[in-house]
Amino acid sequence: MFSSGTTATTLVRARSARHARDAWSRLVDEKGERRAFAELASYAGGSDAAVHTLSRHGIETDLD
């Protein structure tokens, strides 16, 4: 099993949408969407970078 930090790093570095969606799903399953986003933001370099990472791979969230 991946640690959440490894999963967040995998998402930030993902080159394919499939890998990114898989990593995002693992993070959300483990932490919930809000905490998963916070963790992604810490690895991606901030919330703007996290939003860019998700949108680049076509991942939508329910976060406002």
N, C-alpha and C. Protein backbone atom coordinates (compact mmCIF):
# COMPACT_ATOMS: atom_id res chain seq x y z
N MET A 1 0.84 -1.19 0.00
CA MET A 1 0.00 0.00 0.00
C MET A 1 0.88 1.24 0.00
N PHE A 2 0.45 2.24 -0.73
CA PHE A 2 1.18 3.50 -0.82
C PHE A 2 0.92 4.34 0.42
N SER A 3 1.94 5.08 0.83
CA SER A 3 1.67 6.10 1.84
C SER A 3 1.06 7.29 1.13
N SER A 4 0.35 8.12 1.86
CA SER A 4 -0.34 9.25 1.22
C SER A 4 0.65 10.21 0.57
N GLY A 5 1.82 10.40 1.17
CA GLY A 5 2.82 11.28 0.57
C GLY A 5 3.29 10.76 -0.77
N THR A 6 3.49 9.46 -0.85
CA THR A 6 3.88 8.84 -2.12
C THR A 6 2.77 9.00 -3.14
N THR A 7 1.52 8.85 -2.71
CA THR A 7 0.39 8.99 -3.61
C THR A 7 0.27 10.42 -4.11
N ALA A 8 0.46 11.39 -3.24
CA ALA A 8 0.40 12.79 -3.65
C ALA A 8 1.51 13.11 -4.63
N THR A 9 2.70 12.59 -4.38
CA THR A 9 3.81 12.80 -5.29
C THR A 9 3.53 12.16 -6.64
N THR A 10 2.94 10.96 -6.63
CA THR A 10 2.58 10.29 -7.87
C THR A 10 1.60 11.13 -8.66
N LEU A 11 0.65 11.73 -7.98
CA LEU A 11 -0.34 12.58 -8.66
C LEU A 11 0.32 13.82 -9.27
N VAL A 12 1.21 14.46 -8.52
CA VAL A 12 1.89 15.66 -9.02
C VAL A 12 2.73 15.32 -10.24
N ARG A 13 3.35 14.16 -10.24
CA ARG A 13 4.27 13.78 -11.33
C ARG A 13 3.61 12.99 -12.45
N ALA A 14 2.33 12.67 -12.32
CA ALA A 14 1.64 11.83 -13.30
C ALA A 14 1.71 12.43 -14.70
N ARG A 15 1.99 11.58 -15.65
CA ARG A 15 2.04 12.03 -17.05
C ARG A 15 0.77 11.64 -17.79
N SER A 16 0.02 10.71 -17.25
CA SER A 16 -1.22 10.32 -17.92
C SER A 16 -2.41 10.61 -17.01
N ALA A 17 -3.54 10.88 -17.63
CA ALA A 17 -4.76 11.16 -16.86
C ALA A 17 -5.17 9.94 -16.06
N ARG A 18 -4.98 8.76 -16.60
CA ARG A 18 -5.36 7.54 -15.88
C ARG A 18 -4.57 7.39 -14.59
N HIS A 19 -3.27 7.60 -14.65
CA HIS A 19 -2.45 7.51 -13.44
C HIS A 19 -2.84 8.59 -12.43
N ALA A 20 -3.11 9.77 -12.92
CA ALA A 20 -3.51 10.87 -12.03
C ALA A 20 -4.84 10.56 -11.35
N ARG A 21 -5.82 10.07 -12.13
CA ARG A 21 -7.12 9.73 -11.53
C ARG A 21 -7.00 8.62 -10.51
N ASP A 22 -6.16 7.62 -10.80
CA ASP A 22 -5.94 6.53 -9.83
C ASP A 22 -5.33 7.05 -8.54
N ALA A 23 -4.33 7.92 -8.66
CA ALA A 23 -3.68 8.48 -7.47
C ALA A 23 -4.66 9.35 -6.69
N TRP A 24 -5.46 10.17 -7.38
CA TRP A 24 -6.44 11.02 -6.71
C TRP A 24 -7.48 10.17 -5.98
N SER A 25 -7.93 9.12 -6.62
CA SER A 25 -8.90 8.22 -5.99
C SER A 25 -8.34 7.59 -4.72
N ARG A 26 -7.08 7.17 -4.76
CA ARG A 26 -6.45 6.60 -3.56
C ARG A 26 -6.39 7.63 -2.44
N LEU A 27 -6.00 8.86 -2.76
CA LEU A 27 -5.92 9.91 -1.75
C LEU A 27 -7.30 10.20 -1.15
N VAL A 28 -8.31 10.33 -2.00
CA VAL A 28 -9.66 10.64 -1.52
C VAL A 28 -10.21 9.49 -0.68
N ASP A 29 -9.97 8.26 -1.10
CA ASP A 29 -10.44 7.11 -0.32
C ASP A 29 -9.80 7.07 1.06
N GLU A 30 -8.53 7.45 1.10
CA GLU A 30 -7.78 7.40 2.36
C GLU A 30 -8.11 8.56 3.29
N LYS A 31 -8.29 9.77 2.74
CA LYS A 31 -8.37 10.97 3.58
C LYS A 31 -9.66 11.76 3.45
N GLY A 32 -10.44 11.51 2.42
CA GLY A 32 -11.57 12.38 2.13
C GLY A 32 -11.10 13.49 1.21
N GLU A 33 -12.03 14.09 0.49
CA GLU A 33 -11.65 15.03 -0.56
C GLU A 33 -10.93 16.28 -0.05
N ARG A 34 -11.43 16.86 1.03
CA ARG A 34 -10.82 18.11 1.53
C ARG A 34 -9.39 17.88 2.02
N ARG A 35 -9.17 16.83 2.79
CA ARG A 35 -7.82 16.54 3.29
C ARG A 35 -6.90 16.07 2.16
N ALA A 36 -7.46 15.35 1.18
CA ALA A 36 -6.66 14.93 0.03
C ALA A 36 -6.17 16.16 -0.74
N PHE A 37 -7.06 17.14 -0.92
CA PHE A 37 -6.67 18.36 -1.63
C PHE A 37 -5.58 19.10 -0.85
N ALA A 38 -5.72 19.18 0.46
CA ALA A 38 -4.71 19.86 1.28
C ALA A 38 -3.36 19.17 1.15
N GLU A 39 -3.37 17.85 1.14
CA GLU A 39 -2.11 17.12 0.99
C GLU A 39 -1.52 17.33 -0.40
N LEU A 40 -2.37 17.28 -1.42
CA LEU A 40 -1.89 17.54 -2.77
C LEU A 40 -1.29 18.93 -2.86
N ALA A 41 -1.95 19.91 -2.28
CA ALA A 41 -1.44 21.28 -2.30
C ALA A 41 -0.06 21.38 -1.66
N SER A 42 0.15 20.65 -0.58
CA SER A 42 1.45 20.70 0.09
C SER A 42 2.56 20.10 -0.78
N TYR A 43 2.23 19.12 -1.61
CA TYR A 43 3.24 18.51 -2.49
C TYR A 43 3.36 19.24 -3.82
N ALA A 44 2.28 19.88 -4.26
CA ALA A 44 2.28 20.53 -5.57
C ALA A 44 2.84 21.94 -5.52
N GLY A 45 2.93 22.54 -4.34
CA GLY A 45 3.46 23.89 -4.23
C GLY A 45 2.39 24.94 -4.01
N GLY A 46 1.27 24.55 -3.41
CA GLY A 46 0.21 25.50 -3.10
C GLY A 46 -1.11 25.09 -3.72
N SER A 47 -2.16 25.78 -3.31
CA SER A 47 -3.50 25.40 -3.78
C SER A 47 -3.69 25.70 -5.26
N ASP A 48 -3.09 26.79 -5.77
CA ASP A 48 -3.21 27.07 -7.20
C ASP A 48 -2.56 25.97 -8.03
N ALA A 49 -1.41 25.49 -7.58
CA ALA A 49 -0.73 24.40 -8.29
C ALA A 49 -1.53 23.10 -8.20
N ALA A 50 -2.19 22.88 -7.07
CA ALA A 50 -3.01 21.68 -6.92
C ALA A 50 -4.21 21.73 -7.86
N VAL A 51 -4.85 22.89 -7.96
CA VAL A 51 -5.98 23.05 -8.88
C VAL A 51 -5.50 22.83 -10.31
N HIS A 52 -4.36 23.38 -10.65
CA HIS A 52 -3.80 23.20 -11.99
C HIS A 52 -3.52 21.72 -12.27
N THR A 53 -2.95 21.02 -11.30
CA THR A 53 -2.66 19.60 -11.47
C THR A 53 -3.93 18.80 -11.72
N LEU A 54 -4.96 19.06 -10.92
CA LEU A 54 -6.23 18.34 -11.10
C LEU A 54 -6.87 18.67 -12.44
N SER A 55 -6.93 19.94 -12.79
CA SER A 55 -7.59 20.33 -14.04
C SER A 55 -6.81 19.85 -15.25
N ARG A 56 -5.50 19.82 -15.16
CA ARG A 56 -4.67 19.33 -16.27
C ARG A 56 -5.02 17.89 -16.63
N HIS A 57 -5.44 17.12 -15.63
CA HIS A 57 -5.78 15.72 -15.86
C HIS A 57 -7.28 15.48 -15.94
N GLY A 58 -8.05 16.57 -15.96
CA GLY A 58 -9.49 16.44 -16.11
C GLY A 58 -10.21 15.93 -14.87
N ILE A 59 -9.63 16.15 -13.69
CA ILE A 59 -10.22 15.70 -12.44
C ILE A 59 -11.02 16.84 -11.84
N GLU A 60 -12.28 16.58 -11.56
CA GLU A 60 -13.14 17.59 -10.95
C GLU A 60 -13.38 17.24 -9.49
N THR A 61 -13.55 18.28 -8.67
CA THR A 61 -13.83 18.08 -7.25
C THR A 61 -15.10 18.81 -6.87
N ASP A 62 -15.61 18.50 -5.70
CA ASP A 62 -16.78 19.19 -5.17
C ASP A 62 -16.39 20.34 -4.25
N LEU A 63 -15.10 20.64 -4.20
CA LEU A 63 -14.62 21.70 -3.32
C LEU A 63 -14.92 23.05 -3.94
N ASP A 64 -15.27 24.01 -3.09
CA ASP A 64 -15.59 25.36 -3.58
C ASP A 64 -14.37 26.24 -3.57
